[in-house]
């Protein structure tokens, strides 16, 4: 099996690449989100592969509110380019657990998800959607390398601050609930989805609700940190009382506390 992975150099892409190799298959990398906007480039890349996992996309909530056209080009039109190029080959389209939020990222990813399901239903394309929830693990940077520093991922932001004695900053009251799942479990879910079920959504989540405040305290405790927790006003595009938890969890190996304990040493090295 030769699998084309768009966004293979990213955080989730690295874990997916490792999972494919672990299974004895071959990875065909395809990187930089703008490249999937090039119909010819993605068409050429699919000729020599047996399946495609589409991870390419642009991230951000507040940051994309003024960049909706760019997000449409990459997250929606880019996904359609992948579907067109793949033809009868299996495609796994990553989606977000934040479906239903009214921000540019969630809206564009939901549109790509619906188009994938429409293709599967009416054009009988073998496409599976994997809706990833709050993914964490080694190699996830505190903010995107080429994006604004205001794009913060919960675990890396909290861990780096806890390890350096800085206060952990939480948008809002911290009572919003999230579904934290280790990247290795998400990678396994994405690779499994090559075999289907086509035309369906698979939830890459644990189904366990954790508040942002609880996640922050877990990280402080595991790091042995003396950092304080401070609260900031809620950001535009992110609802105050959000509840994003998988209703039908996928199989997973990492519990939250063991997953965090295994992840934090990577950040100790990263900060050096």
Protein backbone atom coordinates (compact mmCIF):
# COMPACT_ATOMS: atom_id res chain seq x y z
CA UNK A 1 0.00 0.00 0.00
CA UNK A 2 1.33 3.40 -1.01
CA UNK A 3 -0.48 6.25 0.78
CA UNK A 4 -0.32 9.89 -0.31
CA UNK A 5 -0.44 12.10 2.80
CA UNK A 6 -1.08 15.80 2.26
CA UNK A 7 0.28 17.84 5.16
CA UNK A 8 2.67 15.01 6.07
CA UNK A 9 5.20 17.40 7.63
CA UNK A 10 2.66 18.74 10.14
CA UNK A 11 1.99 17.61 13.69
CA UNK A 12 -0.69 15.03 12.84
CA UNK A 13 1.03 14.27 9.53
CA UNK A 14 4.18 13.09 11.28
CA UNK A 15 2.19 10.68 13.44
CA UNK A 16 0.23 9.40 10.44
CA UNK A 17 3.49 8.88 8.54
CA UNK A 18 4.90 6.86 11.45
CA UNK A 19 1.72 4.77 11.67
CA UNK A 20 1.80 3.98 7.93
CA UNK A 21 5.43 2.92 8.16
CA UNK A 22 4.66 0.81 11.24
CA UNK A 23 2.17 -1.14 9.14
CA UNK A 24 4.80 -1.83 6.51
CA UNK A 25 3.31 0.51 3.92
CA UNK A 26 4.90 3.34 1.95
CA UNK A 27 4.31 7.06 2.55
CA UNK A 28 4.16 9.50 -0.34
CA UNK A 29 4.48 12.98 1.23
CA UNK A 30 2.73 16.02 -0.22
CA UNK A 31 3.25 19.24 1.70
CA UNK A 32 2.43 22.94 2.02
CA UNK A 33 -1.32 23.67 2.16
CA UNK A 34 -1.24 25.94 -0.88
CA UNK A 35 -0.10 23.03 -3.04
CA UNK A 36 -3.50 21.32 -2.88
CA UNK A 37 -4.86 24.44 -4.58
CA UNK A 38 -2.78 23.37 -7.60
CA UNK A 39 -5.05 20.92 -9.42
CA UNK A 40 -2.27 19.66 -11.68
CA UNK A 41 0.15 19.07 -8.80
CA UNK A 42 -2.30 17.01 -6.76
CA UNK A 43 -3.44 15.12 -9.87
CA UNK A 44 0.16 14.18 -10.68
CA UNK A 45 0.79 13.08 -7.09
CA UNK A 46 -2.15 10.67 -7.00
CA UNK A 47 -1.06 8.65 -10.04
CA UNK A 48 1.39 6.50 -8.09
CA UNK A 49 -0.56 6.07 -4.84
CA UNK A 50 -3.21 3.60 -3.70
CA UNK A 51 -5.00 5.87 -1.21
CA UNK A 52 -4.98 9.47 0.03
CA UNK A 53 -5.18 10.95 3.54
CA UNK A 54 -5.91 14.67 3.25
CA UNK A 55 -4.59 16.57 6.27
CA UNK A 56 -3.66 19.82 4.49
CA UNK A 57 -5.45 22.94 5.69
CA UNK A 58 -5.14 26.34 7.31
CA UNK A 59 -5.83 26.77 11.04
CA UNK A 60 -7.05 29.55 13.26
CA UNK A 61 -10.24 30.98 14.74
CA UNK A 62 -9.87 34.71 15.38
CA UNK A 63 -6.90 34.74 12.98
CA UNK A 64 -9.01 33.57 10.00
CA UNK A 65 -12.00 35.84 10.51
CA UNK A 66 -10.44 38.31 8.07
CA UNK A 67 -8.93 35.56 5.92
CA UNK A 68 -12.03 33.65 4.91
CA UNK A 69 -11.26 33.66 1.17
CA UNK A 70 -7.86 32.06 1.74
CA UNK A 71 -9.43 29.45 4.03
CA UNK A 72 -12.07 28.69 1.39
CA UNK A 73 -9.36 28.24 -1.25
CA UNK A 74 -7.34 25.78 0.85
CA UNK A 75 -9.86 24.04 3.11
CA UNK A 76 -12.72 23.72 0.60
CA UNK A 77 -11.41 24.07 -2.96
CA UNK A 78 -8.22 22.22 -2.02
CA UNK A 79 -10.24 19.31 -0.64
CA UNK A 80 -12.28 19.17 -3.86
CA UNK A 81 -9.02 19.04 -5.83
CA UNK A 82 -8.00 16.01 -3.76
CA UNK A 83 -11.35 14.30 -4.33
CA UNK A 84 -11.18 14.94 -8.08
CA UNK A 85 -7.62 13.68 -8.34
CA UNK A 86 -8.22 10.53 -6.29
CA UNK A 87 -11.07 9.26 -8.45
CA UNK A 88 -11.81 5.68 -7.38
CA UNK A 89 -8.97 5.51 -4.85
CA UNK A 90 -9.90 5.65 -1.14
CA UNK A 91 -9.69 9.09 0.47
CA UNK A 92 -9.67 9.97 4.17
CA UNK A 93 -10.69 13.58 4.78
CA UNK A 94 -9.84 15.03 8.18
CA UNK A 95 -12.50 17.23 9.79
CA UNK A 96 -12.80 19.07 13.09
CA UNK A 97 -14.76 18.32 16.22
CA UNK A 98 -15.67 22.02 16.38
CA UNK A 99 -18.42 21.55 13.80
CA UNK A 100 -21.24 24.03 14.32
CA UNK A 101 -19.09 26.94 15.48
CA UNK A 102 -19.49 30.13 13.47
CA UNK A 103 -15.86 30.90 12.71
CA UNK A 104 -14.06 30.65 9.40
CA UNK A 105 -12.07 27.54 10.25
CA UNK A 106 -15.02 25.51 11.53
CA UNK A 107 -17.28 26.61 8.68
CA UNK A 108 -14.79 25.78 5.93
CA UNK A 109 -13.88 22.41 7.44
CA UNK A 110 -17.58 21.54 7.86
CA UNK A 111 -18.18 22.43 4.21
CA UNK A 112 -15.34 20.15 3.09
CA UNK A 113 -16.76 17.40 5.31
CA UNK A 114 -20.22 17.72 3.77
CA UNK A 115 -18.80 17.76 0.24
CA UNK A 116 -16.86 14.58 1.04
CA UNK A 117 -20.02 12.85 2.27
CA UNK A 118 -21.95 14.12 -0.76
CA UNK A 119 -19.30 12.70 -3.10
CA UNK A 120 -19.50 9.36 -1.30
CA UNK A 121 -23.30 9.23 -1.47
CA UNK A 122 -24.05 10.48 -4.96
CA UNK A 123 -20.85 9.78 -6.89
CA UNK A 124 -19.95 6.62 -4.95
CA UNK A 125 -16.44 7.78 -4.16
CA UNK A 126 -14.74 5.78 -1.39
CA UNK A 127 -14.34 8.70 1.02
CA UNK A 128 -14.34 8.52 4.82
CA UNK A 129 -14.42 11.56 7.09
CA UNK A 130 -12.47 11.44 10.36
CA UNK A 131 -13.54 14.17 12.75
CA UNK A 132 -10.53 14.84 15.01
CA UNK A 133 -11.16 16.43 18.38
CA UNK A 134 -8.52 18.08 20.63
CA UNK A 135 -5.35 16.34 19.50
CA UNK A 136 -2.17 16.56 21.59
CA UNK A 137 1.19 14.81 21.72
CA UNK A 138 4.89 15.16 20.87
CA UNK A 139 5.88 17.52 18.01
CA UNK A 140 2.88 19.83 18.44
CA UNK A 141 4.31 23.35 18.55
CA UNK A 142 2.88 26.02 20.91
CA UNK A 143 1.88 28.05 17.83
CA UNK A 144 2.15 27.40 14.07
CA UNK A 145 5.69 28.02 12.71
CA UNK A 146 4.40 30.34 9.99
CA UNK A 147 1.34 31.75 11.72
CA UNK A 148 0.55 34.39 14.37
CA UNK A 149 1.51 33.65 17.96
CA UNK A 150 -2.13 34.10 18.99
CA UNK A 151 -2.91 30.67 17.47
CA UNK A 152 -2.37 28.58 20.60
CA UNK A 153 -2.89 24.89 21.09
CA UNK A 154 -4.01 23.99 24.60
CA UNK A 155 -1.49 21.34 25.63
CA UNK A 156 1.73 22.79 24.18
CA UNK A 157 0.87 26.29 25.35
CA UNK A 158 0.07 25.13 28.89
CA UNK A 159 3.04 22.76 29.13
CA UNK A 160 5.62 25.30 27.92
CA UNK A 161 4.30 27.87 30.36
CA UNK A 162 4.19 25.41 33.24
CA UNK A 163 7.76 24.27 32.59
CA UNK A 164 9.07 27.85 32.53
CA UNK A 165 7.06 29.16 35.49
CA UNK A 166 4.90 31.46 33.39
CA UNK A 167 1.19 31.79 34.18
CA UNK A 168 -1.14 29.53 32.21
CA UNK A 169 -3.49 31.79 30.25
CA UNK A 170 -7.04 30.57 29.70
CA UNK A 171 -9.50 32.27 27.39
CA UNK A 172 -12.76 32.75 29.34
CA UNK A 173 -13.66 30.99 32.58
CA UNK A 174 -12.12 27.66 31.58
CA UNK A 175 -15.35 25.73 32.06
CA UNK A 176 -15.66 24.93 28.37
CA UNK A 177 -15.30 21.17 27.85
CA UNK A 178 -12.89 19.53 25.44
CA UNK A 179 -12.03 15.99 24.32
CA UNK A 180 -8.27 15.50 24.52
CA UNK A 181 -6.94 12.58 22.45
CA UNK A 182 -3.33 11.53 21.87
CA UNK A 183 -2.01 12.01 18.34
CA UNK A 184 -0.99 8.35 18.04
CA UNK A 185 -4.62 7.31 18.58
CA UNK A 186 -5.80 9.81 15.97
CA UNK A 187 -3.18 8.58 13.51
CA UNK A 188 -4.34 4.98 13.92
CA UNK A 189 -7.93 6.10 13.37
CA UNK A 190 -7.01 7.97 10.18
CA UNK A 191 -5.07 5.06 8.70
CA UNK A 192 -7.79 2.55 9.63
CA UNK A 193 -10.29 4.77 7.79
CA UNK A 194 -8.63 3.96 4.44
CA UNK A 195 -10.77 0.80 4.55
CA UNK A 196 -13.94 2.76 5.36
CA UNK A 197 -16.68 2.99 6.36
CA UNK A 198 -17.07 5.11 3.22
CA UNK A 199 -19.66 7.84 3.28
CA UNK A 200 -19.58 8.02 7.09
CA UNK A 201 -18.03 10.16 9.82
CA UNK A 202 -15.64 8.52 12.28
CA UNK A 203 -15.06 10.41 15.53
CA UNK A 204 -11.40 10.52 16.58
CA UNK A 205 -12.13 11.33 20.20
CA UNK A 206 -12.30 9.61 23.57
CA UNK A 207 -15.80 10.74 24.53
CA UNK A 208 -14.40 11.96 27.87
CA UNK A 209 -15.17 15.57 28.76
CA UNK A 210 -12.40 17.60 30.38
CA UNK A 211 -12.69 21.28 31.18
CA UNK A 212 -9.90 23.59 30.04
CA UNK A 213 -9.37 24.45 33.73
CA UNK A 214 -8.95 20.75 34.59
CA UNK A 215 -6.47 20.28 31.74
CA UNK A 216 -4.42 23.22 32.99
CA UNK A 217 -4.34 21.86 36.55
CA UNK A 218 -3.37 18.35 35.35
CA UNK A 219 -0.43 19.83 33.46
CA UNK A 220 0.70 21.96 36.40
CA UNK A 221 0.60 18.88 38.66
CA UNK A 222 2.46 16.56 36.26
CA UNK A 223 5.12 19.21 35.56
CA UNK A 224 5.53 19.91 39.27
CA UNK A 225 5.08 23.57 38.40
CA UNK A 226 4.30 26.57 40.61
CA UNK A 227 2.66 28.47 37.73
CA UNK A 228 -0.57 30.35 38.36
CA UNK A 229 -3.68 30.22 36.17
CA UNK A 230 -4.97 33.50 34.79
CA UNK A 231 -8.08 34.20 32.76
CA UNK A 232 -8.32 36.36 29.64
CA UNK A 233 -11.40 37.63 27.79
CA UNK A 234 -12.89 35.12 25.35
CA UNK A 235 -11.59 35.49 21.79
CA UNK A 236 -13.73 36.33 18.78
CA UNK A 237 -14.94 33.22 17.00
CA UNK A 238 -14.79 31.01 20.11
CA UNK A 239 -18.00 30.53 22.13
CA UNK A 240 -17.84 31.02 25.90
CA UNK A 241 -19.67 27.84 26.96
CA UNK A 242 -18.32 25.45 24.35
CA UNK A 243 -18.82 21.67 24.68
CA UNK A 244 -16.83 19.69 22.13
CA UNK A 245 -16.77 15.99 23.01
CA UNK A 246 -17.13 12.93 20.77
CA UNK A 247 -20.47 11.15 21.15
CA UNK A 248 -19.14 7.86 19.75
CA UNK A 249 -15.47 7.53 20.74
CA UNK A 250 -12.92 5.68 18.65
CA UNK A 251 -10.65 2.94 20.06
CA UNK A 252 -7.80 4.62 21.94
CA UNK A 253 -4.79 3.47 23.95
CA UNK A 254 -3.69 6.61 25.77
CA UNK A 255 -5.51 7.85 28.86
CA UNK A 256 -5.23 11.59 29.47
CA UNK A 257 -2.88 11.51 32.45
CA UNK A 258 -0.59 8.84 30.99
CA UNK A 259 -0.64 10.59 27.61
CA UNK A 260 0.32 13.93 29.15
CA UNK A 261 3.05 12.31 31.25
CA UNK A 262 4.52 10.73 28.10
CA UNK A 263 4.24 13.98 26.12
CA UNK A 264 5.74 16.50 28.55
CA UNK A 265 9.36 15.22 28.23
CA UNK A 266 9.30 16.17 24.54
CA UNK A 267 8.61 19.79 25.54
CA UNK A 268 11.46 19.77 28.04
CA UNK A 269 13.80 18.97 25.14
CA UNK A 270 11.97 21.40 22.83
CA UNK A 271 12.46 24.30 25.24
CA UNK A 272 16.20 23.63 25.42
